[in-house]
Amino acid sequence: MGKEEERVRAVGVDLGGTNIRAILVDRQGTILWRERGPTDAHLGPETVIDNIVSLVSHVLERKGVARELIEGVGVGTPGPLNPHTGVVYGAPNLPGWEQIPLKERLEERLELSIQVENDANVAAWGEYRFGAGRGAQSLVCITLGTGLGGGIILGGEIWRGSAYMAGEIGHMIIERDGPSCNCGNRGCLEAFVSAASLRVRVREKLKDGGVASAIRPLVEQGEEVAPERLYQEAVKGDRFCREILREAGERLGIGLINVIHILNPEVIVLTGGLMGAREILLETALKEVEAKAFPWAALRTRIVPGELGDDAGPLGAAALLFAKHQEVEL
């Protein structure tokens, strides 16, 4: 058997509301193959599980990998879950996902070891093992996307909390009477810093007919303006777009200060779609941290963009299998 055949591998799966992504990876973090398929979440849990099985099977078939060389399949999924039993208690954007024994169902179908973990946690683990957090022992990964998620690594291990709910950074309340959040509270960090909250903020502010902006025609036509577009117009000199991003950056800075003061990690990694506007968003946030965080703590926390992009989740999910079987060279 040659060296290529001897390489131990795992499959990492990122279960999203729209798409499922699967990668075949070796223990050094080299991606050997990748596939993407629809989630079909509206068709219910059984169809989604069928789609995961089909995608993983297709990855293994395309590469012709012997089952004995596969450590297993790591699955990052949204929602509260028990990582030990692999039961998903509920999942946003996945209708009908209540008390779903995902680990058990996938092990029955795939006949491989399965590890189920929260999607934000596997993204954090991916950046910790193979990305911007390499070499650190403590890391907080904040995903700035449609919502705002978080994963925490302490002492080289995922910190899940007593109810496996640690890392809900988007739902720290930073303004008591702030805007409504999807979680039902008001003033959460996510209600200020997320793609969804920026869209709401833009629409509300442009209700005032006296506000001038290049994106006004787009909003009036019902289009959703992406953070990248806000950034592009801000760079061109659009004061409205720059102000929207600056306000979000200030709130992000407050969130970062809280993370630094409570956890004081070595690294805070920022990932997700909003990082397309990071030159304004992150610059403003860092100024807030510099002005208000305890200097001794802030100086020892690096705040950096993620390095892995969309691969952070599936890479982290796969790497959990290697760690579980002590195959990762830590």
Protein backbone atom coordinates (compact mmCIF):
# COMPACT_ATOMS: atom_id res chain seq x y z
CA MET A 1 0.00 0.00 0.00
CA GLY A 2 1.46 3.37 -1.05
CA LYS A 3 1.71 6.54 1.00
CA GLU A 4 -1.37 8.03 -0.65
CA GLU A 5 -3.46 5.01 0.29
CA GLU A 6 -2.12 5.04 3.86
CA ARG A 7 -3.17 8.61 4.59
CA VAL A 8 -5.84 8.67 7.29
CA ARG A 9 -8.81 10.81 6.38
CA ALA A 10 -12.10 12.11 7.73
CA VAL A 11 -15.13 13.73 6.17
CA GLY A 12 -16.27 17.12 7.46
CA VAL A 13 -19.87 18.22 6.88
CA ASP A 14 -21.34 21.69 7.23
CA LEU A 15 -25.14 21.48 7.50
CA GLY A 16 -26.67 24.79 6.48
CA GLY A 17 -30.23 25.93 5.96
CA THR A 18 -29.78 26.06 2.17
CA ASN A 19 -26.76 23.88 1.33
CA ILE A 20 -24.79 20.98 2.74
CA ARG A 21 -21.03 21.06 2.20
CA ALA A 22 -18.79 18.02 2.60
CA ILE A 23 -15.02 17.77 2.35
CA LEU A 24 -12.56 14.91 2.52
CA VAL A 25 -9.53 15.95 4.55
CA ASP A 26 -6.36 14.37 5.90
CA ARG A 27 -5.04 14.96 9.40
CA GLN A 28 -2.73 17.75 8.22
CA GLY A 29 -5.78 19.71 7.10
CA THR A 30 -5.29 19.15 3.37
CA ILE A 31 -8.62 19.16 1.55
CA LEU A 32 -8.61 16.23 -0.86
CA TRP A 33 -12.13 16.59 -2.26
CA ARG A 34 -15.19 18.74 -1.78
CA GLU A 35 -18.86 18.47 -2.68
CA ARG A 36 -21.95 20.63 -2.21
CA GLY A 37 -25.61 19.70 -2.36
CA PRO A 38 -29.02 21.11 -1.41
CA THR A 39 -30.32 20.79 2.14
CA ASP A 40 -34.01 20.67 1.10
CA ALA A 41 -34.82 21.69 4.66
CA HIS A 42 -38.48 22.34 3.80
CA LEU A 43 -38.93 18.62 3.10
CA GLY A 44 -38.19 17.71 6.72
CA PRO A 45 -35.47 15.92 8.73
CA GLU A 46 -35.63 12.59 6.88
CA THR A 47 -34.86 14.21 3.54
CA VAL A 48 -32.03 16.24 5.05
CA ILE A 49 -30.49 13.10 6.56
CA ASP A 50 -30.85 11.34 3.20
CA ASN A 51 -29.02 14.24 1.56
CA ILE A 52 -26.16 14.09 4.09
CA VAL A 53 -25.75 10.34 3.55
CA SER A 54 -25.84 10.76 -0.23
CA LEU A 55 -23.27 13.56 -0.21
CA VAL A 56 -20.83 11.77 2.10
CA SER A 57 -21.17 8.54 0.12
CA HIS A 58 -20.53 10.43 -3.11
CA VAL A 59 -17.36 12.00 -1.69
CA LEU A 60 -15.99 8.59 -0.70
CA GLU A 61 -16.95 7.01 -4.01
CA ARG A 62 -15.40 9.78 -6.09
CA LYS A 63 -12.07 9.42 -4.28
CA GLY A 64 -12.28 5.64 -4.00
CA VAL A 65 -11.24 5.72 -0.32
CA ALA A 66 -11.30 2.46 1.62
CA ARG A 67 -13.60 2.65 4.65
CA GLU A 68 -10.83 1.46 6.99
CA LEU A 69 -8.87 4.65 6.19
CA ILE A 70 -11.76 6.89 7.29
CA GLU A 71 -11.76 7.95 10.93
CA GLY A 72 -15.37 9.01 10.57
CA VAL A 73 -17.62 11.91 9.72
CA GLY A 74 -17.82 15.16 11.66
CA VAL A 75 -21.03 17.16 11.25
CA GLY A 76 -21.44 20.82 12.17
CA THR A 77 -25.10 21.66 12.62
CA PRO A 78 -26.97 24.74 13.86
CA GLY A 79 -29.04 24.79 16.98
CA PRO A 80 -28.72 23.48 20.53
CA LEU A 81 -27.56 19.87 20.67
CA ASN A 82 -25.84 17.32 22.85
CA PRO A 83 -22.40 16.58 21.34
CA HIS A 84 -22.08 13.35 23.32
CA THR A 85 -25.35 11.74 22.24
CA GLY A 86 -25.56 13.58 18.93
CA VAL A 87 -29.18 14.56 19.51
CA VAL A 88 -30.16 17.90 17.95
CA TYR A 89 -32.77 19.60 20.12
CA GLY A 90 -33.75 22.20 17.56
CA ALA A 91 -32.23 24.06 14.63
CA PRO A 92 -33.05 27.46 13.14
CA ASN A 93 -33.84 27.24 9.42
CA LEU A 94 -34.39 23.47 9.65
CA PRO A 95 -38.16 22.89 10.06
CA GLY A 96 -39.15 19.94 12.20
CA TRP A 97 -35.73 19.49 13.79
CA GLU A 98 -36.74 18.68 17.35
CA GLN A 99 -35.02 15.88 19.29
CA ILE A 100 -33.42 14.44 16.15
CA PRO A 101 -30.90 11.63 16.96
CA LEU A 102 -28.59 12.68 14.13
CA LYS A 103 -25.51 10.77 15.28
CA GLU A 104 -27.43 7.52 15.66
CA ARG A 105 -29.21 7.87 12.32
CA LEU A 106 -26.02 8.65 10.40
CA GLU A 107 -24.06 5.83 12.04
CA GLU A 108 -26.80 3.38 11.05
CA ARG A 109 -26.76 4.59 7.45
CA LEU A 110 -23.06 5.21 6.86
CA GLU A 111 -21.56 2.59 9.19
CA LEU A 112 -18.87 5.06 10.21
CA SER A 113 -18.04 6.88 13.46
CA ILE A 114 -20.05 10.14 13.63
CA GLN A 115 -19.31 13.26 15.69
CA VAL A 116 -22.04 15.93 15.84
CA GLU A 117 -21.13 19.41 17.04
CA ASN A 118 -22.53 22.93 16.96
CA ASP A 119 -21.65 24.71 13.72
CA ALA A 120 -20.08 27.72 15.46
CA ASN A 121 -17.93 25.41 17.60
CA VAL A 122 -16.59 23.51 14.59
CA ALA A 123 -15.77 26.80 12.82
CA ALA A 124 -13.82 27.86 15.92
CA TRP A 125 -12.06 24.47 16.02
CA GLY A 126 -11.17 24.77 12.34
CA GLU A 127 -9.54 28.18 12.80
CA TYR A 128 -7.83 26.92 15.96
CA ARG A 129 -6.36 23.84 14.30
CA PHE A 130 -5.64 25.05 10.76
CA GLY A 131 -6.32 28.78 10.51
CA ALA A 132 -5.78 32.08 12.27
CA GLY A 133 -5.62 30.47 15.73
CA ARG A 134 -2.83 27.97 15.07
CA GLY A 135 -0.54 27.69 18.08
CA ALA A 136 -2.92 29.40 20.53
CA GLN A 137 -4.40 27.67 23.56
CA SER A 138 -7.39 30.01 23.89
CA LEU A 139 -9.50 31.40 21.08
CA VAL A 140 -12.89 32.95 20.49
CA CYS A 141 -14.27 32.75 16.96
CA ILE A 142 -17.05 35.20 16.10
CA THR A 143 -19.00 34.59 12.90
CA LEU A 144 -20.50 37.75 11.46
CA GLY A 145 -23.07 36.54 8.96
CA THR A 146 -26.86 36.63 8.70
CA GLY A 147 -26.72 36.37 12.48
CA LEU A 148 -23.81 36.53 14.91
CA GLY A 149 -22.45 33.26 16.28
CA GLY A 150 -19.54 32.32 18.47
CA GLY A 151 -17.33 29.41 19.45
CA ILE A 152 -14.88 29.26 22.36
CA ILE A 153 -11.67 27.24 22.74
CA LEU A 154 -10.12 27.23 26.23
CA GLY A 155 -7.04 25.23 27.16
CA GLY A 156 -7.07 23.57 23.76
CA GLU A 157 -10.64 22.27 24.15
CA ILE A 158 -14.07 23.44 23.01
CA TRP A 159 -15.85 25.15 25.89
CA ARG A 160 -19.51 24.11 25.61
CA GLY A 161 -20.95 25.11 28.98
CA SER A 162 -23.19 23.16 31.33
CA ALA A 163 -26.08 23.03 28.83
CA TYR A 164 -23.83 22.96 25.73
CA MET A 165 -24.94 26.54 25.00
CA ALA A 166 -21.70 28.46 25.58
CA GLY A 167 -20.59 30.87 22.89
CA GLU A 168 -23.88 32.70 22.26
CA ILE A 169 -21.92 35.92 21.87
CA GLY A 170 -24.53 37.42 19.56
CA HIS A 171 -27.01 37.39 22.39
CA MET A 172 -25.08 39.35 24.97
CA ILE A 173 -27.29 42.35 25.69
CA ILE A 174 -25.37 45.57 25.13
CA GLU A 175 -28.28 48.03 25.16
CA ARG A 176 -31.24 47.43 27.47
CA ASP A 177 -33.85 49.13 25.28
CA GLY A 178 -32.16 48.45 21.95
CA PRO A 179 -33.74 47.00 18.82
CA SER A 180 -35.59 43.68 18.88
CA CYS A 181 -33.56 40.55 18.27
CA ASN A 182 -34.79 37.33 16.64
CA CYS A 183 -34.23 35.55 19.96
CA GLY A 184 -37.04 37.59 21.54
CA ASN A 185 -34.87 39.93 23.61
CA ARG A 186 -33.92 43.52 22.89
CA GLY A 187 -30.51 45.10 22.47
CA CYS A 188 -28.52 41.93 21.68
CA LEU A 189 -25.22 42.37 19.89
CA GLU A 190 -26.69 40.46 16.92
CA ALA A 191 -29.44 43.07 16.64
CA PHE A 192 -26.71 45.63 15.85
CA VAL A 193 -24.02 43.59 14.10
CA SER A 194 -25.27 41.09 11.51
CA ALA A 195 -26.28 41.16 7.87
CA ALA A 196 -29.94 40.93 8.90
CA SER A 197 -29.69 43.83 11.36
CA LEU A 198 -27.85 46.00 8.83
CA ARG A 199 -30.65 45.47 6.30
CA VAL A 200 -33.22 46.53 8.89
CA ARG A 201 -31.15 49.55 9.91
CA VAL A 202 -30.73 50.66 6.28
CA ARG A 203 -34.47 50.42 5.58
CA GLU A 204 -35.41 52.30 8.74
CA LYS A 205 -32.98 55.14 8.16
CA LEU A 206 -33.93 55.55 4.49
CA LYS A 207 -37.59 56.05 5.45
CA ASP A 208 -36.52 59.64 5.99
CA GLY A 209 -36.79 61.13 2.53
CA GLY A 210 -34.07 63.64 3.34
CA VAL A 211 -31.34 60.99 3.61
CA ALA A 212 -29.21 60.86 0.46
CA SER A 213 -27.44 57.65 -0.55
CA ALA A 214 -26.49 55.75 -3.67
CA ILE A 215 -28.26 52.68 -2.34
CA ARG A 216 -31.64 54.42 -1.88
CA PRO A 217 -32.95 53.32 -5.34
CA LEU A 218 -32.01 49.71 -4.58
CA VAL A 219 -33.82 49.72 -1.24
CA GLU A 220 -36.89 51.40 -2.73
CA GLN A 221 -37.00 48.62 -5.34
CA GLY A 222 -37.06 46.06 -2.55
CA GLU A 223 -33.50 44.79 -3.02
CA GLU A 224 -31.49 43.53 -0.05
CA VAL A 225 -28.19 45.41 0.13
CA ALA A 226 -25.24 43.17 1.06
CA PRO A 227 -22.53 44.44 3.46
CA GLU A 228 -20.03 44.35 0.58
CA ARG A 229 -22.17 46.82 -1.34
CA LEU A 230 -22.41 49.11 1.68
CA TYR A 231 -18.63 49.01 1.90
CA GLN A 232 -18.16 49.69 -1.82
CA GLU A 233 -20.37 52.77 -1.68
CA ALA A 234 -18.74 53.92 1.57
CA VAL A 235 -15.32 53.80 -0.10
CA LYS A 236 -16.72 55.88 -2.96
CA GLY A 237 -17.72 58.53 -0.42
CA ASP A 238 -21.31 57.63 0.48
CA ARG A 239 -21.65 59.11 3.96
CA PHE A 240 -24.81 57.18 4.78
CA CYS A 241 -23.20 53.79 4.04
CA ARG A 242 -20.09 54.70 5.99
CA GLU A 243 -22.17 55.77 8.99
CA ILE A 244 -24.16 52.51 8.95
CA LEU A 245 -20.94 50.49 9.01
CA ARG A 246 -19.31 52.76 11.58
CA GLU A 247 -22.26 52.33 13.97
CA ALA A 248 -22.10 48.56 13.58
CA GLY A 249 -18.34 48.67 14.15
CA GLU A 250 -18.79 50.58 17.41
CA ARG A 251 -21.24 47.96 18.70
CA LEU A 252 -18.92 45.18 17.59
CA GLY A 253 -16.16 46.89 19.53
CA ILE A 254 -18.31 46.83 22.68
CA GLY A 255 -18.88 43.12 22.17
CA LEU A 256 -15.15 42.51 21.71
CA ILE A 257 -14.39 44.46 24.91
CA ASN A 258 -16.80 42.23 26.83
CA VAL A 259 -15.18 39.09 25.42
CA ILE A 260 -11.71 40.38 26.31
CA HIS A 261 -12.73 41.36 29.84
CA ILE A 262 -14.52 38.08 30.57
CA LEU A 263 -12.31 35.52 28.80
CA ASN A 264 -9.13 37.37 27.80
CA PRO A 265 -8.33 34.86 25.03
CA GLU A 266 -5.07 34.85 23.12
CA VAL A 267 -6.92 35.28 19.82
CA ILE A 268 -10.31 36.55 18.68
CA VAL A 269 -11.00 35.43 15.10
CA LEU A 270 -13.64 37.26 13.07
CA THR A 271 -15.21 35.45 10.12
CA GLY A 272 -18.35 35.59 7.98
CA GLY A 273 -19.95 37.71 5.30
CA LEU A 274 -19.67 41.02 7.15
CA MET A 275 -15.90 40.76 6.91
CA GLY A 276 -16.33 41.93 3.33
CA ALA A 277 -16.69 45.37 4.93
CA ARG A 278 -13.93 44.82 7.48
CA GLU A 279 -11.78 47.83 6.52
CA ILE A 280 -14.43 50.07 8.09
CA LEU A 281 -16.17 47.66 10.46
CA LEU A 282 -13.04 46.21 12.04
CA GLU A 283 -11.14 49.49 12.04
CA THR A 284 -13.94 51.13 14.02
CA ALA A 285 -14.25 48.16 16.39
CA LEU A 286 -10.51 48.15 17.12
CA LYS A 287 -10.59 51.86 17.92
CA GLU A 288 -13.37 51.16 20.42
CA VAL A 289 -11.31 48.37 22.00
CA GLU A 290 -8.22 50.56 22.18
CA ALA A 291 -10.17 53.36 23.87
CA LYS A 292 -12.19 51.36 26.41
CA ALA A 293 -10.75 47.89 27.07
CA PHE A 294 -8.39 47.23 29.96
CA PRO A 295 -5.03 47.83 28.25
CA TRP A 296 -3.21 44.98 29.99
CA ALA A 297 -5.84 42.51 28.77
CA ALA A 298 -6.34 43.97 25.30
CA LEU A 299 -2.63 44.03 24.51
CA ARG A 300 -2.50 40.27 24.96
CA THR A 301 -5.48 39.48 22.76
CA ARG A 302 -4.95 39.44 19.00
CA ILE A 303 -8.06 40.34 16.99
CA VAL A 304 -7.67 38.98 13.46
CA PRO A 305 -9.73 38.00 10.40
CA GLY A 306 -10.27 34.28 9.84
CA GLU A 307 -8.10 32.48 7.31
CA LEU A 308 -10.30 29.57 6.24
CA GLY A 309 -13.49 31.22 4.98
CA ASP A 310 -16.31 28.73 4.33
CA ASP A 311 -13.93 25.82 4.93
CA ALA A 312 -13.57 26.57 8.65
CA GLY A 313 -16.71 24.62 9.61
CA PRO A 314 -16.17 21.38 7.66
CA LEU A 315 -12.42 21.41 8.39
CA GLY A 316 -13.13 21.79 12.09
CA ALA A 317 -15.78 19.07 12.00
CA ALA A 318 -13.33 16.66 10.37
CA ALA A 319 -10.53 17.60 12.77
CA LEU A 320 -12.73 16.66 15.73
CA LEU A 321 -12.54 13.05 14.54
CA PHE A 322 -8.75 13.14 14.46
CA ALA A 323 -8.62 14.65 17.94
CA LYS A 324 -11.09 12.07 19.21
CA HIS A 325 -8.90 9.26 17.89
CA GLN A 326 -5.69 11.04 18.89
CA GLU A 327 -4.55 11.33 15.29
CA VAL A 328 -3.94 15.06 15.29
CA GLU A 329 -0.35 16.08 15.92
CA LEU A 330 -0.98 18.80 18.48
